Amino acid sequence: MEIKNFILNSDYIELCSLLKSIGVISTGGEAKAAITQGLVKVNDKVETRKRHKIKAGQRVQFESLEIVTISKI
């Protein structure tokens, strides 16, 4: 599994925005569909809320990628 770090510029980022920002999904519609279908995990649990707030220290898994969020501060 590939691991990427994502630096947060604020307190949180919405899950669908994170997937778009990291470049793993090209559109917001694709991100929302993947989340709704249960293809995305947050801290090893399936997450189906598209606007779930991802904060520093949380891990998001999609396909063979794990995204680790890090606080800028």
N, C-alpha and C. Protein backbone atom coordinates (compact mmCIF):
# COMPACT_ATOMS: atom_id res chain seq x y z
N MET A 1 0.84 -1.18 0.00
CA MET A 1 0.00 0.00 0.00
C MET A 1 0.88 1.24 0.00
N GLU A 2 0.60 2.14 -0.92
CA GLU A 2 1.32 3.40 -1.00
C GLU A 2 0.78 4.35 0.06
N ILE A 3 1.69 5.09 0.71
CA ILE A 3 1.30 6.05 1.74
C ILE A 3 1.69 7.45 1.28
N LYS A 4 0.72 8.38 1.35
CA LYS A 4 0.98 9.79 1.02
C LYS A 4 0.61 10.63 2.23
N ASN A 5 1.41 11.63 2.49
CA ASN A 5 1.09 12.61 3.54
C ASN A 5 0.36 13.78 2.90
N PHE A 6 -0.63 14.29 3.63
CA PHE A 6 -1.37 15.47 3.18
C PHE A 6 -1.33 16.49 4.30
N ILE A 7 -0.79 17.67 4.01
CA ILE A 7 -0.67 18.73 5.02
C ILE A 7 -1.93 19.58 5.00
N LEU A 8 -2.58 19.65 6.15
CA LEU A 8 -3.80 20.46 6.29
C LEU A 8 -3.44 21.93 6.48
N ASN A 9 -4.10 22.80 5.74
CA ASN A 9 -3.89 24.24 5.89
C ASN A 9 -4.91 24.86 6.82
N SER A 10 -5.86 24.06 7.30
CA SER A 10 -6.88 24.53 8.24
C SER A 10 -7.12 23.39 9.24
N ASP A 11 -8.16 23.52 10.04
CA ASP A 11 -8.45 22.52 11.06
C ASP A 11 -8.89 21.19 10.47
N TYR A 12 -9.51 21.22 9.28
CA TYR A 12 -10.01 20.00 8.67
C TYR A 12 -10.18 20.18 7.17
N ILE A 13 -10.42 19.06 6.49
CA ILE A 13 -10.80 19.06 5.08
C ILE A 13 -11.91 18.02 4.92
N GLU A 14 -12.89 18.32 4.09
CA GLU A 14 -13.97 17.37 3.87
C GLU A 14 -13.43 16.18 3.07
N LEU A 15 -13.95 15.01 3.35
CA LEU A 15 -13.45 13.77 2.75
C LEU A 15 -13.45 13.83 1.22
N CYS A 16 -14.53 14.28 0.61
CA CYS A 16 -14.57 14.33 -0.86
C CYS A 16 -13.54 15.32 -1.40
N SER A 17 -13.31 16.40 -0.70
CA SER A 17 -12.29 17.39 -1.12
C SER A 17 -10.89 16.83 -0.99
N LEU A 18 -10.65 16.04 0.04
CA LEU A 18 -9.33 15.42 0.22
C LEU A 18 -9.00 14.50 -0.94
N LEU A 19 -9.94 13.66 -1.32
CA LEU A 19 -9.70 12.73 -2.43
C LEU A 19 -9.40 13.47 -3.72
N LYS A 20 -10.09 14.58 -3.95
CA LYS A 20 -9.82 15.40 -5.13
C LYS A 20 -8.46 16.09 -5.02
N SER A 21 -8.16 16.65 -3.86
CA SER A 21 -6.92 17.40 -3.66
C SER A 21 -5.68 16.54 -3.83
N ILE A 22 -5.76 15.31 -3.37
CA ILE A 22 -4.59 14.43 -3.43
C ILE A 22 -4.39 13.89 -4.85
N GLY A 23 -5.44 14.04 -5.70
CA GLY A 23 -5.31 13.64 -7.10
C GLY A 23 -5.67 12.19 -7.38
N VAL A 24 -6.22 11.51 -6.41
CA VAL A 24 -6.58 10.10 -6.60
C VAL A 24 -7.89 9.96 -7.37
N ILE A 25 -8.73 11.00 -7.33
CA ILE A 25 -9.99 11.06 -8.06
C ILE A 25 -10.05 12.43 -8.72
N SER A 26 -10.51 12.46 -9.97
CA SER A 26 -10.42 13.72 -10.71
C SER A 26 -11.59 14.69 -10.50
N THR A 27 -12.77 14.18 -10.14
CA THR A 27 -13.91 15.09 -9.98
C THR A 27 -14.61 14.86 -8.65
N GLY A 28 -15.33 15.86 -8.22
CA GLY A 28 -16.09 15.75 -6.98
C GLY A 28 -17.18 14.70 -7.08
N GLY A 29 -17.78 14.57 -8.26
CA GLY A 29 -18.82 13.56 -8.47
C GLY A 29 -18.28 12.15 -8.30
N GLU A 30 -17.07 11.91 -8.83
CA GLU A 30 -16.43 10.59 -8.68
C GLU A 30 -16.11 10.33 -7.21
N ALA A 31 -15.64 11.35 -6.52
CA ALA A 31 -15.30 11.21 -5.10
C ALA A 31 -16.55 10.86 -4.29
N LYS A 32 -17.63 11.58 -4.55
CA LYS A 32 -18.88 11.32 -3.82
C LYS A 32 -19.40 9.92 -4.11
N ALA A 33 -19.29 9.46 -5.36
CA ALA A 33 -19.75 8.12 -5.71
C ALA A 33 -18.93 7.05 -5.00
N ALA A 34 -17.61 7.22 -4.97
CA ALA A 34 -16.74 6.24 -4.30
C ALA A 34 -17.06 6.16 -2.82
N ILE A 35 -17.30 7.31 -2.20
CA ILE A 35 -17.61 7.34 -0.76
C ILE A 35 -18.97 6.69 -0.51
N THR A 36 -19.97 7.03 -1.30
CA THR A 36 -21.31 6.47 -1.14
C THR A 36 -21.31 4.95 -1.32
N GLN A 37 -20.45 4.44 -2.20
CA GLN A 37 -20.37 3.01 -2.46
C GLN A 37 -19.59 2.25 -1.38
N GLY A 38 -19.05 2.98 -0.41
CA GLY A 38 -18.32 2.33 0.68
C GLY A 38 -16.91 1.92 0.32
N LEU A 39 -16.30 2.61 -0.65
CA LEU A 39 -14.95 2.27 -1.09
C LEU A 39 -13.87 3.01 -0.33
N VAL A 40 -14.26 3.89 0.58
CA VAL A 40 -13.29 4.72 1.31
C VAL A 40 -13.39 4.40 2.80
N LYS A 41 -12.22 4.28 3.42
CA LYS A 41 -12.17 4.04 4.86
C LYS A 41 -11.46 5.20 5.54
N VAL A 42 -11.91 5.51 6.75
CA VAL A 42 -11.25 6.50 7.60
C VAL A 42 -10.90 5.78 8.89
N ASN A 43 -9.62 5.75 9.20
CA ASN A 43 -9.13 5.03 10.39
C ASN A 43 -9.67 3.60 10.43
N ASP A 44 -9.57 2.91 9.29
CA ASP A 44 -9.93 1.49 9.13
C ASP A 44 -11.42 1.20 9.20
N LYS A 45 -12.27 2.22 9.15
CA LYS A 45 -13.73 2.01 9.16
C LYS A 45 -14.32 2.63 7.89
N VAL A 46 -15.25 1.92 7.26
CA VAL A 46 -15.90 2.45 6.06
C VAL A 46 -16.63 3.74 6.42
N GLU A 47 -16.40 4.76 5.59
CA GLU A 47 -17.03 6.06 5.81
C GLU A 47 -17.88 6.41 4.60
N THR A 48 -19.17 6.65 4.81
CA THR A 48 -20.07 6.97 3.70
C THR A 48 -20.56 8.42 3.72
N ARG A 49 -20.07 9.20 4.68
CA ARG A 49 -20.45 10.63 4.72
C ARG A 49 -19.49 11.42 3.84
N LYS A 50 -20.02 11.98 2.78
CA LYS A 50 -19.17 12.69 1.81
C LYS A 50 -18.48 13.92 2.41
N ARG A 51 -19.14 14.57 3.34
CA ARG A 51 -18.60 15.81 3.90
C ARG A 51 -17.97 15.58 5.28
N HIS A 52 -17.64 14.33 5.59
CA HIS A 52 -17.00 14.01 6.86
C HIS A 52 -15.72 14.84 7.01
N LYS A 53 -15.55 15.44 8.15
CA LYS A 53 -14.39 16.31 8.38
C LYS A 53 -13.18 15.46 8.77
N ILE A 54 -12.13 15.55 7.96
CA ILE A 54 -10.89 14.83 8.21
C ILE A 54 -9.94 15.79 8.89
N LYS A 55 -9.45 15.39 10.05
CA LYS A 55 -8.56 16.23 10.85
C LYS A 55 -7.17 15.62 10.91
N ALA A 56 -6.22 16.40 11.40
CA ALA A 56 -4.83 15.94 11.50
C ALA A 56 -4.75 14.63 12.28
N GLY A 57 -3.93 13.73 11.78
CA GLY A 57 -3.72 12.45 12.44
C GLY A 57 -4.63 11.34 11.95
N GLN A 58 -5.65 11.68 11.17
CA GLN A 58 -6.54 10.65 10.64
C GLN A 58 -5.95 10.05 9.37
N ARG A 59 -6.28 8.77 9.14
CA ARG A 59 -5.81 8.05 7.97
C ARG A 59 -7.01 7.70 7.08
N VAL A 60 -6.85 7.95 5.79
CA VAL A 60 -7.89 7.66 4.82
C VAL A 60 -7.34 6.63 3.83
N GLN A 61 -8.11 5.56 3.60
CA GLN A 61 -7.69 4.54 2.65
C GLN A 61 -8.65 4.50 1.48
N PHE A 62 -8.08 4.45 0.28
CA PHE A 62 -8.86 4.30 -0.95
C PHE A 62 -8.03 3.49 -1.92
N GLU A 63 -8.58 2.40 -2.39
CA GLU A 63 -7.89 1.46 -3.27
C GLU A 63 -6.57 1.07 -2.62
N SER A 64 -5.45 1.26 -3.28
CA SER A 64 -4.16 0.85 -2.71
C SER A 64 -3.39 2.04 -2.12
N LEU A 65 -4.11 3.09 -1.76
CA LEU A 65 -3.48 4.31 -1.24
C LEU A 65 -3.95 4.59 0.19
N GLU A 66 -3.02 4.96 1.04
CA GLU A 66 -3.36 5.44 2.38
C GLU A 66 -2.87 6.88 2.49
N ILE A 67 -3.78 7.76 2.89
CA ILE A 67 -3.47 9.18 3.04
C ILE A 67 -3.41 9.49 4.54
N VAL A 68 -2.30 10.05 4.97
CA VAL A 68 -2.13 10.43 6.37
C VAL A 68 -2.17 11.95 6.45
N THR A 69 -3.09 12.49 7.24
CA THR A 69 -3.22 13.94 7.33
C THR A 69 -2.32 14.48 8.44
N ILE A 70 -1.65 15.58 8.13
CA ILE A 70 -0.69 16.20 9.05
C ILE A 70 -1.04 17.67 9.20
N SER A 71 -0.97 18.18 10.41
CA SER A 71 -1.25 19.59 10.68
C SER A 71 -0.07 20.44 10.19
N LYS A 72 -0.38 21.57 9.57
CA LYS A 72 0.66 22.50 9.09
C LYS A 72 1.36 23.17 10.27
N ILE A 73 0.64 23.34 11.35
CA ILE A 73 1.17 24.05 12.51
C ILE A 73 2.05 23.13 13.33
